[in-house]
Amino acid sequence: MKNRYRQFCQTHPELPIYFQDWYLDAVCQEGEWGVAMVEESGEVKGIWTYFLKRKMGFTYITMPVFVKFMGPLLFGNPGLSEQHQILEKLLDQIPQVASLKQDFHYRNTNWLPLYWRGFRQTTRYTYLLDISNLEQVQTGVNRNIRRNLQKALSLQVEQWDDPERFYRTNKMSFDRQNISIPYTLSQFLSHDAALAAQKRRTFFFAVDQRGVVHSASYVVWDDRVGYYHLAGDDPALRHHGGGILLIWTAIQFLHHDLGIKTLDFEGSMLKNVEAIRRQFGASQTPYFSIEKNFSKAFNALEKIRNLFGLFV
């Protein structure tokens, strides 16, 4: 099935980046990815990507690091009844596991067949910004963002190809919150190498006159959407507005250099981060977080995972 899916990806470059086979190859290093497909008369009606991990004797489906969305995508604008049928056929192909937890792409607005099979759903949000018209983007930016952009005029933006420098700056944001960064430098470099090979990423750094990096951002894209994938700030310099400047830089780059019309901020559910996305004029866009534990033993162990970190 994976070989058939690789062929499908070759002929459908418009697939969201997180569903493309080369991207899954790069990020699914601690397990393996798979795919279910439904075809009729040689036409693909739907796909469902998943990531299998094995720990403590359990095989389970979860989200790999650096992947925002997985699960089903349907094609050809099927009606509701046909959606049900395709989703059920896809679900029948998912391997037997102890647990399944996935964040579905916001294009998928129907999870009813999963509800019928006992799955639970939590609504989460990403933020999408229409960047097809930069004048309208500027009009939609609120006063607080304008003020921060003015504050950042003393900084300059550098587009350095320096993943290790970005990682160091990115890590500072986690250190400030006393949170462990959820990926190693090695994981990040492997993920970045795949994106670089496909020419699907760039780094921006906000730098002062002394050459000190205030903020850094990591922008990736597919044929239709740009993603504000990762970012970081020096905690001592955040008040200079470098992070806001880099968002505006990313918007201009995606619009002018790539002709991309949509920026996906990739969340966030965090209150302070959400406010920035909204203040840029981005639209709140819901997506489904789906889960079901099939194993009673897994369910029991999951209750103590925060204490022992058994499943990540």
Foldseek 3Di string as FASTA:
>chain_A
DVVVVQVVCVVCLVPFPLSHPLLQVLFLPQFHKDKFFDDDPNHTFKMFIWHWHDFPRWIETDDTPLHLFTTMDGDDPDDPVVVLVRNVNRVVPDDDGQKYKGWHDLVDPDDVNVVVVPKDKDKFKWWKDFLQDVVVLVVLFDPVLVVLLVLLPQWDKDWDPDLVVQVVQLQQQCVVVVHGDPDDSVSSVSSVVSQVVVVFKTKMFTAHPVRDTAKMFIWGGTLAEIERRTMGGNVVRVSSNRVSNVVVVVSCCCCPVRVHGMYIDSDDPDPVVNVNSVSSVIDIGIIIIMMDGPDPVVVVVVVCCVVPVRDD
